[in-house]
Amino acid sequence: MPATKGYRKRMRKLFSKRRMRKGLSQYMIEYEIGELVHININPINMSTAPHKRYQGMVGKIIGKRGKAYMIEVKLGSKTKQIITTKEHIMKYKAIVNQSLVSSQVQVQQK
């Protein structure tokens, strides 16, 4: 049988999810326009998931459409816009840590 060339090929093992704690905290977070987010595809709801090439990328929220967010992602030399719901994104924590470090450095320099 020939290999499939479909949109979700080779995704069963890639996005399998193990048992983990349940909670609603990630569904309660509201994101602001201009905020950086980390794309982490949740395999429970695949209908609103972005393509697997965007897994693990960092993007910037540029708008909102209903319950979904428009995210701008740099892919090579191009910028792409993807539309996905909040269960597939999370806040990018490196920026928060970087701002804390920069404020501590400014205090030490004074």
Protein backbone atom coordinates (compact mmCIF):
# COMPACT_ATOMS: atom_id res chain seq x y z
CA MET A 1 0.00 0.00 0.00
CA PRO A 2 1.47 3.43 -0.92
CA ALA A 3 2.21 6.00 1.77
CA THR A 4 -0.44 8.65 2.27
CA LYS A 5 0.22 12.25 1.26
CA GLY A 6 -2.51 13.75 3.46
CA TYR A 7 -2.57 16.89 5.59
CA ARG A 8 -2.17 14.95 8.84
CA LYS A 9 0.25 12.25 7.73
CA ARG A 10 2.61 10.82 10.40
CA MET A 11 0.80 12.60 13.22
CA ARG A 12 -0.44 9.69 15.32
CA LYS A 13 2.88 9.14 17.06
CA LEU A 14 4.03 12.76 16.86
CA PHE A 15 1.03 14.18 18.73
CA SER A 16 0.09 11.29 20.98
CA LYS A 17 -0.72 12.54 24.45
CA ARG A 18 -0.04 10.67 27.65
CA ARG A 19 -2.13 10.83 30.78
CA MET A 20 -1.55 14.04 32.60
CA ARG A 21 -3.20 16.38 35.03
CA LYS A 22 -6.45 17.90 33.93
CA GLY A 23 -7.41 21.48 34.39
CA LEU A 24 -9.01 24.50 32.83
CA SER A 25 -6.28 27.04 33.50
CA GLN A 26 -5.01 27.18 29.92
CA TYR A 27 -8.54 27.81 28.65
CA MET A 28 -9.02 30.75 31.04
CA ILE A 29 -5.96 32.75 29.93
CA GLU A 30 -6.69 35.80 27.78
CA TYR A 31 -3.98 37.01 25.39
CA GLU A 32 -3.36 40.59 24.34
CA ILE A 33 -2.57 41.78 20.82
CA GLY A 34 1.21 42.09 20.40
CA GLU A 35 1.99 39.39 22.96
CA LEU A 36 4.43 36.61 22.06
CA VAL A 37 3.10 33.05 22.31
CA HIS A 38 4.54 29.57 21.97
CA ILE A 39 2.64 27.22 19.61
CA ASN A 40 2.11 23.84 21.25
CA ILE A 41 -0.47 21.72 19.44
CA ASN A 42 -2.94 19.95 21.73
CA PRO A 43 -3.96 16.64 20.09
CA ILE A 44 -7.31 16.49 21.86
CA ASN A 45 -8.85 19.04 19.48
CA MET A 46 -7.32 18.71 16.02
CA SER A 47 -9.99 20.65 14.11
CA THR A 48 -8.56 24.03 15.15
CA ALA A 49 -4.91 22.96 15.24
CA PRO A 50 -2.36 24.64 12.97
CA HIS A 51 -0.23 22.57 10.60
CA LYS A 52 2.43 20.41 12.24
CA ARG A 53 5.25 22.52 10.76
CA TYR A 54 4.34 25.26 13.26
CA GLN A 55 4.76 23.00 16.32
CA GLY A 56 7.19 24.59 18.78
CA MET A 57 7.43 27.95 17.02
CA VAL A 58 7.06 31.35 18.62
CA GLY A 59 4.67 33.87 17.13
CA LYS A 60 3.11 37.24 17.80
CA ILE A 61 -0.64 37.73 18.24
CA ILE A 62 -1.88 40.23 15.65
CA GLY A 63 -5.64 39.94 16.07
CA LYS A 64 -8.64 37.98 17.22
CA ARG A 65 -11.45 36.33 15.25
CA GLY A 66 -14.24 35.18 17.50
CA LYS A 67 -12.67 32.73 19.95
CA ALA A 68 -9.59 32.20 17.75
CA TYR A 69 -6.38 34.22 17.60
CA MET A 70 -4.44 35.33 14.52
CA ILE A 71 -0.74 34.65 15.01
CA GLU A 72 2.13 35.89 12.86
CA VAL A 73 4.99 33.38 12.59
CA LYS A 74 8.31 33.77 10.82
CA LEU A 75 8.91 30.75 8.59
CA GLY A 76 12.27 31.06 6.86
CA SER A 77 12.37 34.45 5.16
CA LYS A 78 8.56 34.76 5.02
CA THR A 79 6.01 35.69 7.65
CA LYS A 80 2.91 33.52 7.80
CA GLN A 81 -0.41 34.16 9.51
CA ILE A 82 -2.17 31.26 11.19
CA ILE A 83 -5.51 31.19 12.95
CA THR A 84 -5.91 28.90 15.95
CA THR A 85 -7.70 28.71 19.27
CA LYS A 86 -6.15 29.24 22.69
CA GLU A 87 -5.77 25.54 23.51
CA HIS A 88 -2.90 25.33 21.00
CA ILE A 89 -0.92 28.31 22.31
CA MET A 90 0.72 29.30 25.59
CA LYS A 91 2.50 32.40 26.83
CA TYR A 92 6.14 32.69 25.81
CA LYS A 93 7.92 32.67 29.17
CA ALA A 94 11.42 33.65 28.05
CA ILE A 95 10.37 37.26 27.53
CA VAL A 96 8.98 37.49 31.07
CA ASN A 97 12.24 36.16 32.50
CA GLN A 98 14.28 38.46 30.27
CA SER A 99 12.38 41.53 31.49
CA LEU A 100 12.99 40.51 35.12
CA VAL A 101 16.70 40.08 34.45
CA SER A 102 16.98 43.43 32.64
CA SER A 103 15.22 45.24 35.51
CA GLN A 104 17.61 43.63 38.02
CA VAL A 105 20.62 44.69 35.93
CA GLN A 106 19.36 48.29 35.82
CA VAL A 107 18.97 48.33 39.62
CA GLN A 108 22.52 47.01 40.10
CA GLN A 109 23.98 49.63 37.73
CA LYS A 110 22.42 52.51 39.71
